[in-house]
PDB file of N, CA and C in Angstrom:
ATOM      1  N   MET A   1      12.178  23.359 -19.112  1.00  0.00           N
ATOM      2  CA  MET A   1      11.810  23.421 -17.715  1.00  0.00           C
ATOM      3  C   MET A   1      12.256  22.129 -17.037  1.00  0.00           C
ATOM      4  N   GLY A   2      13.141  22.229 -16.074  1.00  0.00           N
ATOM      5  CA  GLY A   2      13.692  21.055 -15.410  1.00  0.00           C
ATOM      6  C   GLY A   2      12.807  20.550 -14.284  1.00  0.00           C
ATOM      7  N   ASN A   3      13.102  19.330 -13.852  1.00  0.00           N
ATOM      8  CA  ASN A   3      12.390  18.756 -12.717  1.00  0.00           C
ATOM      9  C   ASN A   3      12.832  19.424 -11.432  1.00  0.00           C
ATOM     10  N   LYS A   4      11.884  19.702 -10.575  1.00  0.00           N
ATOM     11  CA  LYS A   4      12.172  20.302  -9.283  1.00  0.00           C
ATOM     12  C   LYS A   4      12.627  19.235  -8.283  1.00  0.00           C
ATOM     13  N   TYR A   5      12.261  17.998  -8.536  1.00  0.00           N
ATOM     14  CA  TYR A   5      12.545  16.904  -7.619  1.00  0.00           C
ATOM     15  C   TYR A   5      13.457  15.882  -8.292  1.00  0.00           C
ATOM     16  N   SER A   6      14.257  15.220  -7.469  1.00  0.00           N
ATOM     17  CA  SER A   6      15.163  14.204  -8.009  1.00  0.00           C
ATOM     18  C   SER A   6      14.385  12.930  -8.335  1.00  0.00           C
ATOM     19  N   GLY A   7      15.027  12.074  -9.090  1.00  0.00           N
ATOM     20  CA  GLY A   7      14.404  10.800  -9.444  1.00  0.00           C
ATOM     21  C   GLY A   7      14.103   9.950  -8.222  1.00  0.00           C
ATOM     22  N   LEU A   8      14.982  10.001  -7.222  1.00  0.00           N
ATOM     23  CA  LEU A   8      14.768   9.238  -5.992  1.00  0.00           C
ATOM     24  C   LEU A   8      13.515   9.734  -5.262  1.00  0.00           C
ATOM     25  N   GLN A   9      13.349  11.039  -5.172  1.00  0.00           N
ATOM     26  CA  GLN A   9      12.168  11.592  -4.508  1.00  0.00           C
ATOM     27  C   GLN A   9      10.885  11.209  -5.237  1.00  0.00           C
ATOM     28  N   ILE A  10      10.918  11.244  -6.534  1.00  0.00           N
ATOM     29  CA  ILE A  10       9.743  10.860  -7.322  1.00  0.00           C
ATOM     30  C   ILE A  10       9.445   9.372  -7.133  1.00  0.00           C
ATOM     31  N   GLY A  11      10.490   8.546  -7.120  1.00  0.00           N
ATOM     32  CA  GLY A  11      10.311   7.111  -6.908  1.00  0.00           C
ATOM     33  C   GLY A  11       9.724   6.801  -5.541  1.00  0.00           C
ATOM     34  N   ILE A  12      10.216   7.477  -4.501  1.00  0.00           N
ATOM     35  CA  ILE A  12       9.691   7.267  -3.150  1.00  0.00           C
ATOM     36  C   ILE A  12       8.233   7.715  -3.075  1.00  0.00           C
ATOM     37  N   HIS A  13       7.921   8.812  -3.726  1.00  0.00           N
ATOM     38  CA  HIS A  13       6.540   9.301  -3.753  1.00  0.00           C
ATOM     39  C   HIS A  13       5.606   8.238  -4.315  1.00  0.00           C
ATOM     40  N   TRP A  14       5.961   7.645  -5.446  1.00  0.00           N
ATOM     41  CA  TRP A  14       5.093   6.650  -6.070  1.00  0.00           C
ATOM     42  C   TRP A  14       5.073   5.349  -5.283  1.00  0.00           C
ATOM     43  N   LEU A  15       6.169   5.004  -4.621  1.00  0.00           N
ATOM     44  CA  LEU A  15       6.185   3.816  -3.764  1.00  0.00           C
ATOM     45  C   LEU A  15       5.210   3.990  -2.604  1.00  0.00           C
ATOM     46  N   VAL A  16       5.245   5.148  -1.958  1.00  0.00           N
ATOM     47  CA  VAL A  16       4.324   5.418  -0.848  1.00  0.00           C
ATOM     48  C   VAL A  16       2.879   5.409  -1.348  1.00  0.00           C
ATOM     49  N   PHE A  17       2.636   6.012  -2.491  1.00  0.00           N
ATOM     50  CA  PHE A  17       1.291   6.011  -3.075  1.00  0.00           C
ATOM     51  C   PHE A  17       0.799   4.580  -3.283  1.00  0.00           C
ATOM     52  N   PHE A  18       1.646   3.732  -3.861  1.00  0.00           N
ATOM     53  CA  PHE A  18       1.288   2.336  -4.105  1.00  0.00           C
ATOM     54  C   PHE A  18       0.997   1.607  -2.792  1.00  0.00           C
ATOM     55  N   LEU A  19       1.835   1.820  -1.762  1.00  0.00           N
ATOM     56  CA  LEU A  19       1.631   1.147  -0.479  1.00  0.00           C
ATOM     57  C   LEU A  19       0.330   1.588   0.187  1.00  0.00           C
ATOM     58  N   VAL A  20      -0.007   2.859   0.074  1.00  0.00           N
ATOM     59  CA  VAL A  20      -1.272   3.349   0.639  1.00  0.00           C
ATOM     60  C   VAL A  20      -2.452   2.694  -0.074  1.00  0.00           C
ATOM     61  N   ILE A  21      -2.371   2.580  -1.394  1.00  0.00           N
ATOM     62  CA  ILE A  21      -3.449   1.940  -2.161  1.00  0.00           C
ATOM     63  C   ILE A  21      -3.589   0.470  -1.762  1.00  0.00           C
ATOM     64  N   VAL A  22      -2.476  -0.235  -1.623  1.00  0.00           N
ATOM     65  CA  VAL A  22      -2.523  -1.654  -1.240  1.00  0.00           C
ATOM     66  C   VAL A  22      -3.098  -1.807   0.167  1.00  0.00           C
ATOM     67  N   ALA A  23      -2.671  -0.953   1.108  1.00  0.00           N
ATOM     68  CA  ALA A  23      -3.185  -1.024   2.482  1.00  0.00           C
ATOM     69  C   ALA A  23      -4.692  -0.769   2.508  1.00  0.00           C
ATOM     70  N   TYR A  24      -5.144   0.227   1.768  1.00  0.00           N
ATOM     71  CA  TYR A  24      -6.571   0.541   1.725  1.00  0.00           C
ATOM     72  C   TYR A  24      -7.361  -0.599   1.076  1.00  0.00           C
ATOM     73  N   ALA A  25      -6.841  -1.139  -0.014  1.00  0.00           N
ATOM     74  CA  ALA A  25      -7.522  -2.241  -0.696  1.00  0.00           C
ATOM     75  C   ALA A  25      -7.609  -3.469   0.207  1.00  0.00           C
ATOM     76  N   ALA A  26      -6.543  -3.755   0.944  1.00  0.00           N
ATOM     77  CA  ALA A  26      -6.557  -4.903   1.852  1.00  0.00           C
ATOM     78  C   ALA A  26      -7.619  -4.713   2.931  1.00  0.00           C
ATOM     79  N   MET A  27      -7.760  -3.483   3.420  1.00  0.00           N
ATOM     80  CA  MET A  27      -8.754  -3.194   4.446  1.00  0.00           C
ATOM     81  C   MET A  27     -10.172  -3.359   3.881  1.00  0.00           C
ATOM     82  N   GLU A  28     -10.406  -2.847   2.687  1.00  0.00           N
ATOM     83  CA  GLU A  28     -11.745  -2.891   2.096  1.00  0.00           C
ATOM     84  C   GLU A  28     -12.129  -4.283   1.588  1.00  0.00           C
ATOM     85  N   LEU A  29     -11.182  -5.015   1.034  1.00  0.00           N
ATOM     86  CA  LEU A  29     -11.487  -6.317   0.432  1.00  0.00           C
ATOM     87  C   LEU A  29     -11.512  -7.461   1.437  1.00  0.00           C
ATOM     88  N   ARG A  30     -11.073  -7.196   2.651  1.00  0.00           N
ATOM     89  CA  ARG A  30     -11.025  -8.236   3.679  1.00  0.00           C
ATOM     90  C   ARG A  30     -12.401  -8.868   3.890  1.00  0.00           C
ATOM     91  N   GLY A  31     -13.451  -8.078   3.826  1.00  0.00           N
ATOM     92  CA  GLY A  31     -14.800  -8.600   4.058  1.00  0.00           C
ATOM     93  C   GLY A  31     -15.299  -9.540   2.972  1.00  0.00           C
ATOM     94  N   PHE A  32     -14.742  -9.463   1.786  1.00  0.00           N
ATOM     95  CA  PHE A  32     -15.172 -10.317   0.675  1.00  0.00           C
ATOM     96  C   PHE A  32     -14.408 -11.637   0.616  1.00  0.00           C
ATOM     97  N   ALA A  33     -13.336 -11.739   1.356  1.00  0.00           N
ATOM     98  CA  ALA A  33     -12.486 -12.934   1.306  1.00  0.00           C
ATOM     99  C   ALA A  33     -13.026 -14.010   2.246  1.00  0.00           C
ATOM    100  N   PRO A  34     -12.734 -15.255   1.935  1.00  0.00           N
ATOM    101  CA  PRO A  34     -13.086 -16.324   2.876  1.00  0.00           C
ATOM    102  C   PRO A  34     -12.364 -16.107   4.208  1.00  0.00           C
ATOM    103  N   ARG A  35     -12.932 -16.643   5.251  1.00  0.00           N
ATOM    104  CA  ARG A  35     -12.360 -16.438   6.587  1.00  0.00           C
ATOM    105  C   ARG A  35     -10.900 -16.881   6.681  1.00  0.00           C
ATOM    106  N   SER A  36     -10.532 -17.889   5.955  1.00  0.00           N
ATOM    107  CA  SER A  36      -9.153 -18.385   6.047  1.00  0.00           C
ATOM    108  C   SER A  36      -8.137 -17.381   5.497  1.00  0.00           C
ATOM    109  N   TYR A  37      -8.574 -16.460   4.633  1.00  0.00           N
ATOM    110  CA  TYR A  37      -7.667 -15.464   4.061  1.00  0.00           C
ATOM    111  C   TYR A  37      -7.609 -14.167   4.859  1.00  0.00           C
ATOM    112  N   ARG A  38      -8.497 -13.970   5.800  1.00  0.00           N
ATOM    113  CA  ARG A  38      -8.549 -12.700   6.528  1.00  0.00           C
ATOM    114  C   ARG A  38      -7.266 -12.368   7.271  1.00  0.00           C
ATOM    115  N   PRO A  39      -6.588 -13.335   7.906  1.00  0.00           N
ATOM    116  CA  PRO A  39      -5.305 -12.969   8.541  1.00  0.00           C
ATOM    117  C   PRO A  39      -4.282 -12.441   7.529  1.00  0.00           C
ATOM    118  N   TRP A  40      -4.300 -12.975   6.306  1.00  0.00           N
ATOM    119  CA  TRP A  40      -3.387 -12.482   5.272  1.00  0.00           C
ATOM    120  C   TRP A  40      -3.705 -11.038   4.917  1.00  0.00           C
ATOM    121  N   PHE A  41      -4.993 -10.713   4.799  1.00  0.00           N
ATOM    122  CA  PHE A  41      -5.386  -9.331   4.506  1.00  0.00           C
ATOM    123  C   PHE A  41      -4.984  -8.401   5.645  1.00  0.00           C
ATOM    124  N   ASN A  42      -5.171  -8.855   6.890  1.00  0.00           N
ATOM    125  CA  ASN A  42      -4.765  -8.036   8.033  1.00  0.00           C
ATOM    126  C   ASN A  42      -3.259  -7.804   8.027  1.00  0.00           C
ATOM    127  N   MET A  43      -2.491  -8.858   7.790  1.00  0.00           N
ATOM    128  CA  MET A  43      -1.035  -8.734   7.765  1.00  0.00           C
ATOM    129  C   MET A  43      -0.590  -7.789   6.647  1.00  0.00           C
ATOM    130  N   THR A  44      -1.207  -7.899   5.476  1.00  0.00           N
ATOM    131  CA  THR A  44      -0.865  -7.021   4.355  1.00  0.00           C
ATOM    132  C   THR A  44      -1.185  -5.572   4.686  1.00  0.00           C
ATOM    133  N   HIS A  45      -2.339  -5.345   5.272  1.00  0.00           N
ATOM    134  CA  HIS A  45      -2.742  -3.986   5.638  1.00  0.00           C
ATOM    135  C   HIS A  45      -1.749  -3.372   6.630  1.00  0.00           C
ATOM    136  N   VAL A  46      -1.395  -4.114   7.662  1.00  0.00           N
ATOM    137  CA  VAL A  46      -0.467  -3.606   8.680  1.00  0.00           C
ATOM    138  C   VAL A  46       0.928  -3.427   8.100  1.00  0.00           C
ATOM    139  N   SER A  47       1.392  -4.382   7.322  1.00  0.00           N
ATOM    140  CA  SER A  47       2.741  -4.293   6.750  1.00  0.00           C
ATOM    141  C   SER A  47       2.885  -3.089   5.829  1.00  0.00           C
ATOM    142  N   CYS A  48       1.912  -2.848   4.992  1.00  0.00           N
ATOM    143  CA  CYS A  48       1.981  -1.694   4.087  1.00  0.00           C
ATOM    144  C   CYS A  48       1.844  -0.389   4.853  1.00  0.00           C
ATOM    145  N   GLY A  49       1.071  -0.394   5.917  1.00  0.00           N
ATOM    146  CA  GLY A  49       0.921   0.812   6.726  1.00  0.00           C
ATOM    147  C   GLY A  49       2.181   1.161   7.495  1.00  0.00           C
ATOM    148  N   ILE A  50       2.879   0.157   7.989  1.00  0.00           N
ATOM    149  CA  ILE A  50       4.117   0.396   8.742  1.00  0.00           C
ATOM    150  C   ILE A  50       5.238   0.828   7.813  1.00  0.00           C
ATOM    151  N   THR A  51       5.291   0.218   6.632  1.00  0.00           N
ATOM    152  CA  THR A  51       6.347   0.545   5.684  1.00  0.00           C
ATOM    153  C   THR A  51       6.206   1.963   5.233  1.00  0.00           C
TER     154      THR A  51
END
């Protein structure tokens, strides 16, 4: 039984999955970080969401 999807499609799927997880984690963990790190969490969340 062959793959229905190409390797590129599978790779893009997992890349998007990873970016969604990172964006969600940045949003949730922002509250636990010191105030000086919050802009980094915001930037990470937005960057992963746009990508």
